[in-house]
Each structure stands twice: as structure tokens, then as C-alpha cells.
Amino acid sequence: MNQSLMNSRFDSRASVEAPAKLCKVAIVGFGTVGSSVARILTQGAPAGLRLTHVCNRTLARKQQADWLPKDVKWTEDINEVLASDVDVIVEVIGGLSPAEEWVRGALNAGKSVVTANKQLIAHRGPELIALARKQKRHLAFGASVAGGVPVISGLQEGLAGDELFRIYGILNGTCNYILSQIESAGVPFSTTLAEAQRLGFAEADPTDDVDGFDARAKLAILARVGLRSQAHPNEILCRSISTIEAVDFEYAKQLGCTIRQISWAELDNSEEGSSHLLASVQPALVGLSSPLARVQGAQNLVMSTGRFGGETVFGGHGAGGNPTAVAIVSDIVGIAKAQQGTPLEFENSATPRSVSADFTTRHYLRFTVKDRPGIIATLASIFSECGINIDSVLQKPGYLKSSLPFVITLEACKTSLVEKARTQIAELDFLVQPCLSLPILD
């Protein structure tokens, strides 16, 4: 790697002198992130920023925030904030509604907006960015991906001189925690998930995390910012980590790998004169020497590859009130400076592209079967018919013949070929459960 950006906020917004003109800020939503933003703005903010309003659906939170200055105005009415003289509105309520309506209202009212709302930016980002430009205001969303890690600003500004063609990484701390626990403790997914929920690492309804929807929204944002490729999140394949078992980590270790939920987007220029986007969010095998294998707990890690600059790594805490609040306040500082004539962002036009998950990689396939002679020969015949070469066969001793797990790894081939083979394999009567297929990222 020629460059490392681990745990550092390097863009100009973090280092230049504070703005001279007072920038008034309102926070909409006073949960974990909103209250952390308020603490920074009132207890350690750069000079020139002042928190003037907090909008929350229930003013009961006001009773718990006696540390805020008395001159901060509390309200339950978003219209009161829109009609005020604030310069920047921080949206941290999450979700699409009413967040979209409120952000549109803020921009139309002449306010700039800072948001950590990944779903909003992933699904409505292009329209809201266009509205912000039309109103000559700013929409900043550096906290929407990887929390306190400066990925967005790094891609927009720090790597603006490069031509990026690949972005991949670990974007969901909940999945990373669960997979790490399965690996270290050898317990089932359901047990690890229940423990993660008890400790607060996973939501009561963990679907968005474990099935990949959370990471998919973040990947759509990264593809737009870093690869200049516009893709709706629903076009991106995502697969659940719930199918991963402890035995998969045992086999992965034999292959010199571990398993992580990987978000991956790459420009495919294989067809002359055209380019489409390869993108997916799914569990995958990664080499133990890869930075991805060393990411623990709620940490996030994003790796970008450029035509000229090679590989760049961004890493740090991807969740939590304080890291996310740091990213939000950094965006506010950037907007305050832009109000004095300093450009905030580079032009970030994105090209709509067709999206597929037909990556060319090696593949890991785990079968659980009722053991009998001829199983390997049957599978080899199917792979041969599909034009796929087998790389290795792994079988650990000590399992019951009635439910025997073993692994076949395949030489590099397109995912579509593997799926074609899996369709035929699914009809075989010796399978105890569906075949698990994971890409191997070299």
C-alpha cells in the first residue's frame, strides 16, 4: 500500500483556522448522536459555531440535558426551526420519512444540511444534492458511511486526483462482531446474535444489519462518491450472514482465510466501449494477511484502489455517538468556511450504470450431505458441464455420516457460472441443507 489513512481526519476542514462569521446550528433529533453533537458544539466546538436550537419529538429529553446552555431553544415543531435564522440544520432522526421532507424543507428555507442518514442519502441523495445546489446551499453527509472515519471527504477531496475503480470493505460493525464471535467461540449464529442483542451491539430487529441492507445503502453512497457511479441500493445484491456456521471458519482457516461481511463495488470495463458496476454485500473469505481480517468489533475499514495512486485504507470506529458526532461537526465547519467563500466540495457528478454481482473470483462451496459413494464425482461432473475447474476438496474428520460437511474450492470463474451449477446441485438427493457459496477475495 502506498498510503494509509487509518484513524485520521486529514482534509482541510479539520486544520484551517475557525470561521470568523458566526454559524448558527440546529439539531433535529436528540438521541445518541444528536446529544453527542450538542456536547461538542457546547463544550469544545471550533470558534464561530453556536448551537441555537434543538428539535425533538418529545421535550422530555430536555430534562435530561441540563448541561446545555440556557439560551438553546428547544422545540417539537420542525417549522419553528425552518423559520429561524439558523444557518445549518443537523438531521439525525434517521430513516426516509419524515427525514426527507424535513431536509427538503430546510434546503428550500435557505438552510444548509448535515446528515448522518445513510438510507436518505443512498435512496434520495442525487435529488437532494441537486436541490441543495439549486438553492445555493450545502448538503454534507460525511457521517453517513463509517461514522467517524473520514471516508467521504477522503474520496471526494483527498483522492480527487486519482481515477478510482474499486472500493470494498467492512461497513457494518454488528455483522463484524457476530462473525468474530462465531469464529472465536465456535457457537451458532443464533447464539451469537442473541448475545449481541443483549450487549446492545445488535438491534431487536437485526434484519437491516445481518441481511446486508445497512451496508448496501452505504455501498451505494461510496459508489457514487468514489466511483462516480449512480446505483439504487435495491440494484445491489446482498446476502445474509445467518448461513455462516462455525465449521466454515474451521475450513477457512485451513485455506489461510477468515470470513467477513464484505461490501464491494468495482467498475467493469471488460466490454469495449462500455462500463457497468459490479457490486454486492455478502459474507466472503478474506486472507488472514488482509487488513479486512484484522477488523474487530464495531470498527469499519474501507479500501479504495486507484489507477494511479494504488490502494488506500481508511479505518476506525464506524459507529457510536462520539465518532459520528465528530464527522458531523467536521462537516459543519466545512459549511461555515464555505459561507465565507471557501469551496466545500468537488463537483461530484455520477453516471447511471447497470449493476450486477457477476464478479470473477475463486469460490468456496460448503456441502452438508448424507454420505455415500460417488458424491464428489457427481459434483465434479456438474462443475465440468458448467466450465468450472475444481481447485481443492477439504473434509474434516469426526462428523456424522448422516450430516457430513465438506468443502470444494473452485478456481477463479464468474459468479453466474457458480449459480448455474448450484441450481443443478440443489436437485441432488444427498444434500442435507442447501450448498453455501462464498467468494474468496485474493
Protein backbone atom coordinates (compact mmCIF):
# COMPACT_ATOMS: atom_id res chain seq x y z
CA MET A 1 0.00 0.00 0.00
CA ASN A 2 1.31 3.41 -0.85
CA GLN A 3 -0.86 5.37 1.51
CA SER A 4 -2.58 4.80 4.85
CA LEU A 5 -5.31 6.95 6.33
CA MET A 6 -6.02 4.94 9.45
CA ASN A 7 -7.91 6.90 12.13
CA SER A 8 -7.08 10.32 10.74
CA ARG A 9 -9.15 13.24 9.54
CA PHE A 10 -6.82 14.77 7.02
CA ASP A 11 -8.94 17.11 4.91
CA SER A 12 -8.60 20.87 5.07
CA ARG A 13 -11.74 21.27 7.16
CA ALA A 14 -10.02 19.91 10.24
CA SER A 15 -6.91 22.06 10.20
CA VAL A 16 -7.52 25.59 8.97
CA GLU A 17 -8.49 28.47 11.20
CA ALA A 18 -12.05 28.56 12.52
CA PRO A 19 -14.58 30.69 10.64
CA ALA A 20 -14.89 34.30 11.73
CA LYS A 21 -18.60 34.67 10.94
CA LEU A 22 -20.94 33.12 13.48
CA CYS A 23 -22.59 29.97 12.15
CA LYS A 24 -25.83 29.09 13.95
CA VAL A 25 -26.70 25.40 14.18
CA ALA A 26 -29.90 23.49 14.90
CA ILE A 27 -30.02 19.78 15.76
CA VAL A 28 -33.06 17.77 14.69
CA GLY A 29 -33.16 14.60 16.77
CA PHE A 30 -31.64 14.32 20.23
CA GLY A 31 -30.75 10.65 20.52
CA THR A 32 -27.28 9.21 20.99
CA VAL A 33 -25.74 11.02 18.02
CA GLY A 34 -27.69 14.26 18.41
CA SER A 35 -26.73 14.65 22.05
CA SER A 36 -23.08 13.91 21.23
CA VAL A 37 -23.14 16.65 18.56
CA ALA A 38 -24.63 19.02 21.13
CA ARG A 39 -21.85 18.26 23.62
CA ILE A 40 -19.16 19.03 21.06
CA LEU A 41 -20.88 22.24 19.95
CA THR A 42 -21.27 23.50 23.51
CA GLN A 43 -18.21 22.09 25.25
CA GLY A 44 -15.44 22.08 22.68
CA ALA A 45 -16.60 23.42 19.32
CA PRO A 46 -14.36 25.37 16.96
CA ALA A 47 -14.86 29.11 17.40
CA GLY A 48 -17.66 30.54 15.31
CA LEU A 49 -20.14 27.67 15.73
CA ARG A 50 -23.10 28.11 18.06
CA LEU A 51 -25.90 25.69 18.85
CA THR A 52 -29.12 27.69 18.96
CA HIS A 53 -31.97 25.13 18.52
CA VAL A 54 -32.77 21.51 19.36
CA CYS A 55 -35.83 19.92 17.79
CA ASN A 56 -37.03 16.65 19.30
CA ARG A 57 -40.38 14.88 19.14
CA THR A 58 -40.64 14.88 22.91
CA LEU A 59 -39.29 17.65 25.11
CA ALA A 60 -38.73 15.10 27.88
CA ARG A 61 -35.15 14.86 26.64
CA LYS A 62 -34.76 18.49 27.69
CA GLN A 63 -34.99 17.45 31.32
CA GLN A 64 -32.03 15.11 30.81
CA ALA A 65 -29.84 17.75 29.17
CA ASP A 66 -29.41 20.32 31.92
CA TRP A 67 -25.79 20.65 30.78
CA LEU A 68 -26.87 22.61 27.70
CA PRO A 69 -26.68 26.42 27.79
CA LYS A 70 -29.95 28.06 28.83
CA ASP A 71 -30.12 30.06 25.60
CA VAL A 72 -30.55 26.92 23.44
CA LYS A 73 -34.12 26.89 22.15
CA TRP A 74 -35.99 23.56 22.48
CA THR A 75 -38.98 22.76 20.26
CA GLU A 76 -41.09 19.87 18.98
CA ASP A 77 -42.04 21.81 15.84
CA ILE A 78 -39.71 21.49 12.83
CA ASN A 79 -41.38 24.54 11.27
CA GLU A 80 -40.10 26.68 14.11
CA VAL A 81 -36.56 25.65 13.21
CA LEU A 82 -37.15 26.22 9.48
CA ALA A 83 -38.43 29.73 10.21
CA SER A 84 -35.46 30.62 12.44
CA ASP A 85 -32.19 32.30 11.47
CA VAL A 86 -30.06 29.14 11.79
CA ASP A 87 -27.50 28.54 9.06
CA VAL A 88 -27.10 24.76 9.34
CA ILE A 89 -29.59 22.07 10.32
CA VAL A 90 -28.21 18.74 11.53
CA GLU A 91 -30.60 15.87 10.73
CA VAL A 92 -30.04 12.81 12.92
CA ILE A 93 -33.52 11.26 13.12
CA GLY A 94 -32.75 8.57 10.52
CA GLY A 95 -34.99 6.77 8.03
CA LEU A 96 -36.69 8.16 4.94
CA SER A 97 -39.78 9.76 6.46
CA PRO A 98 -40.12 12.39 7.79
CA ALA A 99 -36.39 12.96 7.30
CA GLU A 100 -36.69 13.53 3.54
CA GLU A 101 -39.50 16.06 3.93
CA TRP A 102 -37.61 17.92 6.65
CA VAL A 103 -34.34 18.02 4.72
CA ARG A 104 -36.12 19.28 1.60
CA GLY A 105 -37.88 21.87 3.74
CA ALA A 106 -34.59 23.00 5.24
CA LEU A 107 -32.91 23.42 1.85
CA ASN A 108 -35.92 25.28 0.44
CA ALA A 109 -35.85 27.52 3.52
CA GLY A 110 -32.28 28.52 2.71
CA LYS A 111 -30.57 26.31 5.30
CA SER A 112 -27.62 24.04 4.65
CA VAL A 113 -27.96 20.49 5.97
CA VAL A 114 -25.61 18.00 7.59
CA THR A 115 -26.90 14.44 7.91
CA ALA A 116 -25.71 11.03 9.07
CA ASN A 117 -28.71 9.38 7.38
CA LYS A 118 -27.34 6.65 5.10
CA GLN A 119 -30.76 5.48 3.89
CA LEU A 120 -31.75 9.02 2.92
CA ILE A 121 -28.53 9.69 1.00
CA ALA A 122 -28.49 6.25 -0.62
CA HIS A 123 -32.09 6.48 -1.84
CA ARG A 124 -32.58 10.23 -2.35
CA GLY A 125 -29.07 11.64 -2.47
CA PRO A 126 -28.90 12.74 -6.13
CA GLU A 127 -32.18 14.68 -5.93
CA LEU A 128 -31.28 16.32 -2.61
CA ILE A 129 -27.80 17.27 -3.81
CA ALA A 130 -29.37 18.84 -6.92
CA LEU A 131 -31.83 20.75 -4.71
CA ALA A 132 -29.02 22.00 -2.48
CA ARG A 133 -27.11 23.31 -5.50
CA LYS A 134 -30.24 24.95 -6.90
CA GLN A 135 -30.77 26.73 -3.56
CA LYS A 136 -27.05 27.58 -3.36
CA ARG A 137 -26.80 25.67 -0.11
CA HIS A 138 -24.81 22.66 1.02
CA LEU A 139 -25.77 19.08 1.82
CA ALA A 140 -22.96 17.31 3.68
CA PHE A 141 -23.13 13.61 4.59
CA GLY A 142 -19.65 12.60 5.72
CA ALA A 143 -21.09 10.76 8.74
CA SER A 144 -23.44 8.60 6.64
CA VAL A 145 -20.74 5.99 5.95
CA ALA A 146 -18.33 4.57 8.55
CA GLY A 147 -19.24 7.05 11.30
CA GLY A 148 -16.13 8.92 12.42
CA VAL A 149 -13.91 7.56 9.64
CA PRO A 150 -13.37 10.33 7.02
CA VAL A 151 -14.16 8.14 4.03
CA ILE A 152 -16.47 10.55 2.18
CA SER A 153 -14.15 13.56 2.46
CA GLY A 154 -11.18 11.32 1.70
CA LEU A 155 -12.71 10.07 -1.53
CA GLN A 156 -14.09 13.46 -2.59
CA GLU A 157 -11.02 15.52 -1.81
CA GLY A 158 -8.01 13.52 -0.66
CA LEU A 159 -8.19 11.20 -3.68
CA ALA A 160 -9.76 13.62 -6.15
CA GLY A 161 -6.65 13.49 -8.32
CA ASP A 162 -6.88 9.73 -8.83
CA GLU A 163 -9.15 7.61 -11.00
CA LEU A 164 -10.71 5.10 -8.61
CA PHE A 165 -12.08 1.84 -9.97
CA ARG A 166 -12.64 -0.30 -6.85
CA ILE A 167 -13.99 0.26 -3.33
CA TYR A 168 -14.51 -2.50 -0.80
CA GLY A 169 -14.51 -3.02 2.93
CA ILE A 170 -16.34 -3.75 6.16
CA LEU A 171 -19.18 -1.30 6.69
CA ASN A 172 -21.31 -2.91 9.42
CA GLY A 173 -19.97 -3.35 12.93
CA THR A 174 -22.84 -5.58 14.05
CA CYS A 175 -22.03 -8.21 11.42
CA ASN A 176 -18.36 -7.92 12.14
CA TYR A 177 -18.96 -8.52 15.85
CA ILE A 178 -21.21 -11.54 15.21
CA LEU A 179 -18.82 -13.19 12.76
CA SER A 180 -15.86 -12.56 15.06
CA GLN A 181 -17.72 -14.23 17.93
CA ILE A 182 -18.68 -17.27 15.84
CA GLU A 183 -15.02 -17.57 14.87
CA SER A 184 -13.56 -17.22 18.38
CA ALA A 185 -16.19 -19.09 20.40
CA GLY A 186 -17.34 -21.67 17.85
CA VAL A 187 -21.01 -21.04 18.69
CA PRO A 188 -24.03 -20.94 16.32
CA PHE A 189 -25.18 -17.74 14.64
CA SER A 190 -28.42 -17.65 16.70
CA THR A 191 -26.50 -17.79 19.99
CA THR A 192 -24.10 -15.05 18.95
CA LEU A 193 -26.91 -12.84 17.69
CA ALA A 194 -28.79 -13.16 20.99
CA GLU A 195 -25.65 -12.20 22.89
CA ALA A 196 -25.05 -9.23 20.56
CA GLN A 197 -28.61 -8.04 21.20
CA ARG A 198 -28.17 -8.40 24.96
CA LEU A 199 -24.99 -6.32 24.86
CA GLY A 200 -26.53 -3.67 22.61
CA PHE A 201 -24.40 -4.46 19.55
CA ALA A 202 -27.48 -5.59 17.59
CA GLU A 203 -30.99 -4.18 17.31
CA ALA A 204 -34.08 -6.06 18.49
CA ASP A 205 -34.83 -6.48 14.77
CA PRO A 206 -31.38 -7.12 13.28
CA THR A 207 -32.57 -7.63 9.70
CA ASP A 208 -31.00 -4.49 8.22
CA ASP A 209 -27.62 -5.46 9.62
CA VAL A 210 -27.37 -9.25 9.23
CA ASP A 211 -29.09 -9.38 5.83
CA GLY A 212 -26.85 -6.64 4.41
CA PHE A 213 -29.35 -3.80 3.86
CA ASP A 214 -27.47 -1.34 6.09
CA ALA A 215 -24.15 -1.95 4.34
CA ARG A 216 -25.85 -1.89 0.94
CA ALA A 217 -27.05 1.69 1.48
CA LYS A 218 -23.53 2.73 2.49
CA LEU A 219 -22.02 1.00 -0.54
CA ALA A 220 -24.39 2.85 -2.87
CA ILE A 221 -23.12 6.13 -1.38
CA LEU A 222 -19.47 5.11 -1.75
CA ALA A 223 -20.03 4.05 -5.36
CA ARG A 224 -21.48 7.46 -6.15
CA VAL A 225 -18.80 9.46 -4.35
CA GLY A 226 -15.75 7.35 -5.18
CA LEU A 227 -16.59 5.63 -8.47
CA ARG A 228 -18.90 8.32 -9.90
CA SER A 229 -21.48 5.59 -10.45
CA GLN A 230 -25.13 6.05 -9.65
CA ALA A 231 -26.86 2.87 -8.49
CA HIS A 232 -30.03 2.43 -6.47
CA PRO A 233 -29.43 0.32 -3.34
CA ASN A 234 -32.11 -2.15 -4.43
CA GLU A 235 -30.00 -2.99 -7.50
CA ILE A 236 -27.13 -4.22 -5.34
CA LEU A 237 -27.08 -7.88 -4.34
CA CYS A 238 -26.94 -8.53 -0.61
CA ARG A 239 -26.79 -11.84 1.21
CA SER A 240 -27.25 -12.67 4.87
CA ILE A 241 -24.51 -13.75 7.26
CA SER A 242 -27.03 -16.03 9.04
CA THR A 243 -25.96 -19.02 6.91
CA ILE A 244 -22.40 -18.95 8.28
CA GLU A 245 -21.55 -21.71 10.75
CA ALA A 246 -18.57 -22.35 12.99
CA VAL A 247 -17.39 -25.11 10.66
CA ASP A 248 -16.95 -22.54 7.89
CA PHE A 249 -14.34 -20.77 9.98
CA GLU A 250 -12.54 -24.07 10.51
CA TYR A 251 -12.34 -24.66 6.78
CA ALA A 252 -11.50 -21.00 6.11
CA LYS A 253 -8.54 -21.29 8.49
CA GLN A 254 -7.25 -24.28 6.52
CA LEU A 255 -7.32 -22.02 3.47
CA GLY A 256 -5.44 -19.24 5.27
CA CYS A 257 -8.58 -17.10 5.50
CA THR A 258 -11.33 -15.83 7.76
CA ILE A 259 -14.90 -14.74 6.96
CA ARG A 260 -16.22 -11.18 7.00
CA GLN A 261 -19.22 -9.34 5.56
CA ILE A 262 -17.67 -7.53 2.60
CA SER A 263 -19.18 -4.63 0.68
CA TRP A 264 -17.60 -4.48 -2.76
CA ALA A 265 -18.09 -2.17 -5.78
CA GLU A 266 -15.92 -2.20 -8.88
CA LEU A 267 -16.09 -0.70 -12.35
CA ASP A 268 -16.10 -3.40 -15.01
CA ASN A 269 -14.59 -2.26 -18.29
CA SER A 270 -14.25 -5.73 -19.78
CA GLU A 271 -16.61 -4.91 -22.64
CA GLU A 272 -15.03 -2.44 -25.01
CA GLY A 273 -16.81 0.90 -25.17
CA SER A 274 -18.97 0.30 -22.09
CA SER A 275 -18.68 0.15 -18.34
CA HIS A 276 -21.01 -1.22 -15.73
CA LEU A 277 -20.84 -1.59 -11.97
CA LEU A 278 -20.13 -4.84 -10.17
CA ALA A 279 -21.47 -4.57 -6.62
CA SER A 280 -22.50 -6.81 -3.75
CA VAL A 281 -22.72 -7.08 0.03
CA GLN A 282 -22.15 -10.63 1.27
CA PRO A 283 -20.03 -12.79 3.54
CA ALA A 284 -16.73 -13.69 1.90
CA LEU A 285 -13.42 -15.36 2.66
CA VAL A 286 -10.53 -12.93 3.07
CA GLY A 287 -6.87 -13.79 3.57
CA LEU A 288 -5.54 -13.63 7.13
CA SER A 289 -2.88 -11.18 5.93
CA SER A 290 -5.50 -8.73 4.65
CA PRO A 291 -6.37 -5.64 6.74
CA LEU A 292 -10.00 -6.80 6.43
CA ALA A 293 -9.23 -9.89 8.52
CA ARG A 294 -7.97 -7.78 11.42
CA VAL A 295 -11.04 -5.55 11.81
CA GLN A 296 -12.71 -6.22 15.16
CA GLY A 297 -15.96 -5.24 16.87
CA ALA A 298 -17.69 -2.08 15.63
CA GLN A 299 -14.70 -0.87 13.65
CA ASN A 300 -15.09 -0.17 9.94
CA LEU A 301 -12.49 -0.39 7.21
CA VAL A 302 -12.73 0.83 3.61
CA MET A 303 -10.12 0.18 0.92
CA SER A 304 -10.07 2.04 -2.39
CA THR A 305 -7.95 1.28 -5.43
CA GLY A 306 -6.99 3.91 -7.98
CA ARG A 307 -5.42 3.79 -11.40
CA PHE A 308 -2.52 6.00 -10.34
CA GLY A 309 -2.38 6.02 -6.54
CA GLY A 310 -2.90 2.34 -5.89
CA GLU A 311 -4.54 1.20 -2.65
CA THR A 312 -5.65 3.49 0.17
CA VAL A 313 -7.05 2.32 3.51
CA PHE A 314 -9.49 4.20 5.74
CA GLY A 315 -10.17 2.69 9.16
CA GLY A 316 -11.56 3.49 12.58
CA HIS A 317 -14.71 3.49 14.68
CA GLY A 318 -17.69 3.22 12.36
CA ALA A 319 -20.46 3.64 14.90
CA GLY A 320 -21.26 5.28 18.20
CA GLY A 321 -22.34 8.74 19.21
CA ASN A 322 -18.98 10.44 19.62
CA PRO A 323 -17.21 9.23 16.43
CA THR A 324 -20.28 10.03 14.32
CA ALA A 325 -20.65 13.42 16.01
CA VAL A 326 -17.03 14.27 15.17
CA ALA A 327 -17.77 13.65 11.48
CA ILE A 328 -20.92 15.79 11.69
CA VAL A 329 -19.17 18.72 13.36
CA SER A 330 -16.36 18.49 10.78
CA ASP A 331 -18.99 18.87 8.05
CA ILE A 332 -20.48 21.87 9.87
CA VAL A 333 -17.03 23.51 9.98
CA GLY A 334 -16.69 22.87 6.24
CA ILE A 335 -20.04 24.54 5.54
CA ALA A 336 -19.17 27.51 7.77
CA LYS A 337 -15.97 28.05 5.79
CA ALA A 338 -17.84 27.68 2.51
CA GLN A 339 -20.13 30.51 3.57
CA GLN A 340 -17.02 32.72 3.55
CA GLY A 341 -16.13 31.73 0.01
CA THR A 342 -14.01 28.61 0.57
CA PRO A 343 -15.24 25.82 -1.73
CA LEU A 344 -16.75 22.94 0.26
CA GLU A 345 -16.75 20.10 -2.20
CA PHE A 346 -15.64 18.99 -5.61
CA GLU A 347 -18.18 18.56 -8.38
CA ASN A 348 -19.41 15.02 -7.91
CA SER A 349 -21.49 14.07 -10.94
CA ALA A 350 -22.34 10.38 -11.20
CA THR A 351 -23.14 8.26 -14.23
CA PRO A 352 -26.11 5.87 -14.03
CA ARG A 353 -24.76 2.37 -14.65
CA SER A 354 -26.17 -1.11 -14.96
CA VAL A 355 -25.38 -3.18 -11.87
CA SER A 356 -24.56 -6.86 -11.47
CA ALA A 357 -22.83 -9.15 -8.97
CA ASP A 358 -21.09 -11.28 -11.61
CA PHE A 359 -17.60 -10.96 -10.13
CA THR A 360 -14.78 -13.23 -11.26
CA THR A 361 -13.23 -14.77 -8.13
CA ARG A 362 -12.31 -18.08 -6.60
CA HIS A 363 -15.22 -19.64 -4.73
CA TYR A 364 -15.78 -21.60 -1.52
CA LEU A 365 -18.67 -24.09 -1.52
CA ARG A 366 -19.63 -25.94 1.64
CA PHE A 367 -21.85 -29.01 1.26
CA THR A 368 -23.65 -30.88 4.04
CA VAL A 369 -24.63 -34.35 2.81
CA LYS A 370 -25.77 -37.86 3.68
CA ASP A 371 -22.51 -39.58 2.86
CA ARG A 372 -22.38 -42.25 0.15
CA PRO A 373 -20.04 -43.20 -2.68
CA GLY A 374 -19.97 -41.06 -5.82
CA ILE A 375 -20.83 -37.66 -4.33
CA ILE A 376 -17.60 -35.93 -5.39
CA ALA A 377 -17.83 -37.47 -8.87
CA THR A 378 -21.40 -36.21 -9.30
CA LEU A 379 -20.44 -32.67 -8.25
CA ALA A 380 -17.32 -32.71 -10.43
CA SER A 381 -19.43 -33.65 -13.44
CA ILE A 382 -21.78 -30.71 -12.86
CA PHE A 383 -18.89 -28.27 -12.48
CA SER A 384 -17.29 -29.62 -15.64
CA GLU A 385 -20.51 -29.14 -17.61
CA CYS A 386 -20.61 -25.51 -16.42
CA GLY A 387 -17.00 -24.88 -17.44
CA ILE A 388 -15.69 -24.65 -13.86
CA ASN A 389 -12.43 -26.13 -12.57
CA ILE A 390 -12.18 -27.55 -9.05
CA ASP A 391 -9.22 -26.25 -7.06
CA SER A 392 -9.38 -28.36 -3.88
CA VAL A 393 -11.55 -30.65 -1.73
CA LEU A 394 -11.44 -30.37 2.08
CA GLN A 395 -13.06 -32.74 4.57
CA LYS A 396 -12.50 -32.65 8.32
CA PRO A 397 -12.91 -35.96 10.20
CA GLY A 398 -15.22 -36.54 13.15
CA TYR A 399 -18.62 -35.68 11.69
CA LEU A 400 -21.65 -37.98 11.41
CA LYS A 401 -22.16 -39.66 8.04
CA SER A 402 -25.78 -38.52 8.12
CA SER A 403 -24.78 -34.85 8.18
CA LEU A 404 -21.28 -34.57 6.80
CA PRO A 405 -19.84 -31.14 5.92
CA PHE A 406 -17.09 -30.83 3.34
CA VAL A 407 -15.78 -28.04 1.13
CA ILE A 408 -14.91 -27.67 -2.52
CA THR A 409 -12.99 -24.61 -3.66
CA LEU A 410 -13.19 -23.52 -7.28
CA GLU A 411 -10.67 -21.81 -9.49
CA ALA A 412 -11.48 -18.23 -10.47
CA CYS A 413 -14.67 -18.03 -12.51
CA LYS A 414 -17.71 -15.81 -12.92
CA THR A 415 -20.32 -15.95 -10.18
CA SER A 416 -23.01 -16.60 -12.78
CA LEU A 417 -21.37 -19.92 -13.65
CA VAL A 418 -21.32 -20.94 -9.99
CA GLU A 419 -25.00 -20.06 -9.65
CA LYS A 420 -25.79 -22.14 -12.73
CA ALA A 421 -24.04 -25.11 -11.12
CA ARG A 422 -25.77 -24.53 -7.77
CA THR A 423 -29.17 -24.66 -9.47
CA GLN A 424 -28.40 -28.19 -10.67
CA ILE A 425 -26.81 -29.18 -7.36
CA ALA A 426 -29.91 -28.11 -5.43
CA GLU A 427 -31.81 -31.01 -7.04
CA LEU A 428 -29.44 -33.69 -5.72
CA ASP A 429 -30.98 -36.02 -3.13
CA PHE A 430 -27.90 -36.41 -0.92
CA LEU A 431 -27.93 -32.77 0.26
CA VAL A 432 -29.00 -32.28 3.89
CA GLN A 433 -29.13 -28.49 3.51
CA PRO A 434 -28.54 -26.03 0.68
CA CYS A 435 -24.99 -25.53 -0.54
CA LEU A 436 -23.29 -22.43 0.88
CA SER A 437 -21.30 -20.43 -1.67
CA LEU A 438 -18.89 -17.64 -0.71
CA PRO A 439 -16.43 -15.68 -2.84
CA ILE A 440 -12.75 -15.88 -1.93
CA LEU A 441 -11.16 -12.45 -2.15
CA ASP A 442 -7.47 -12.73 -3.01
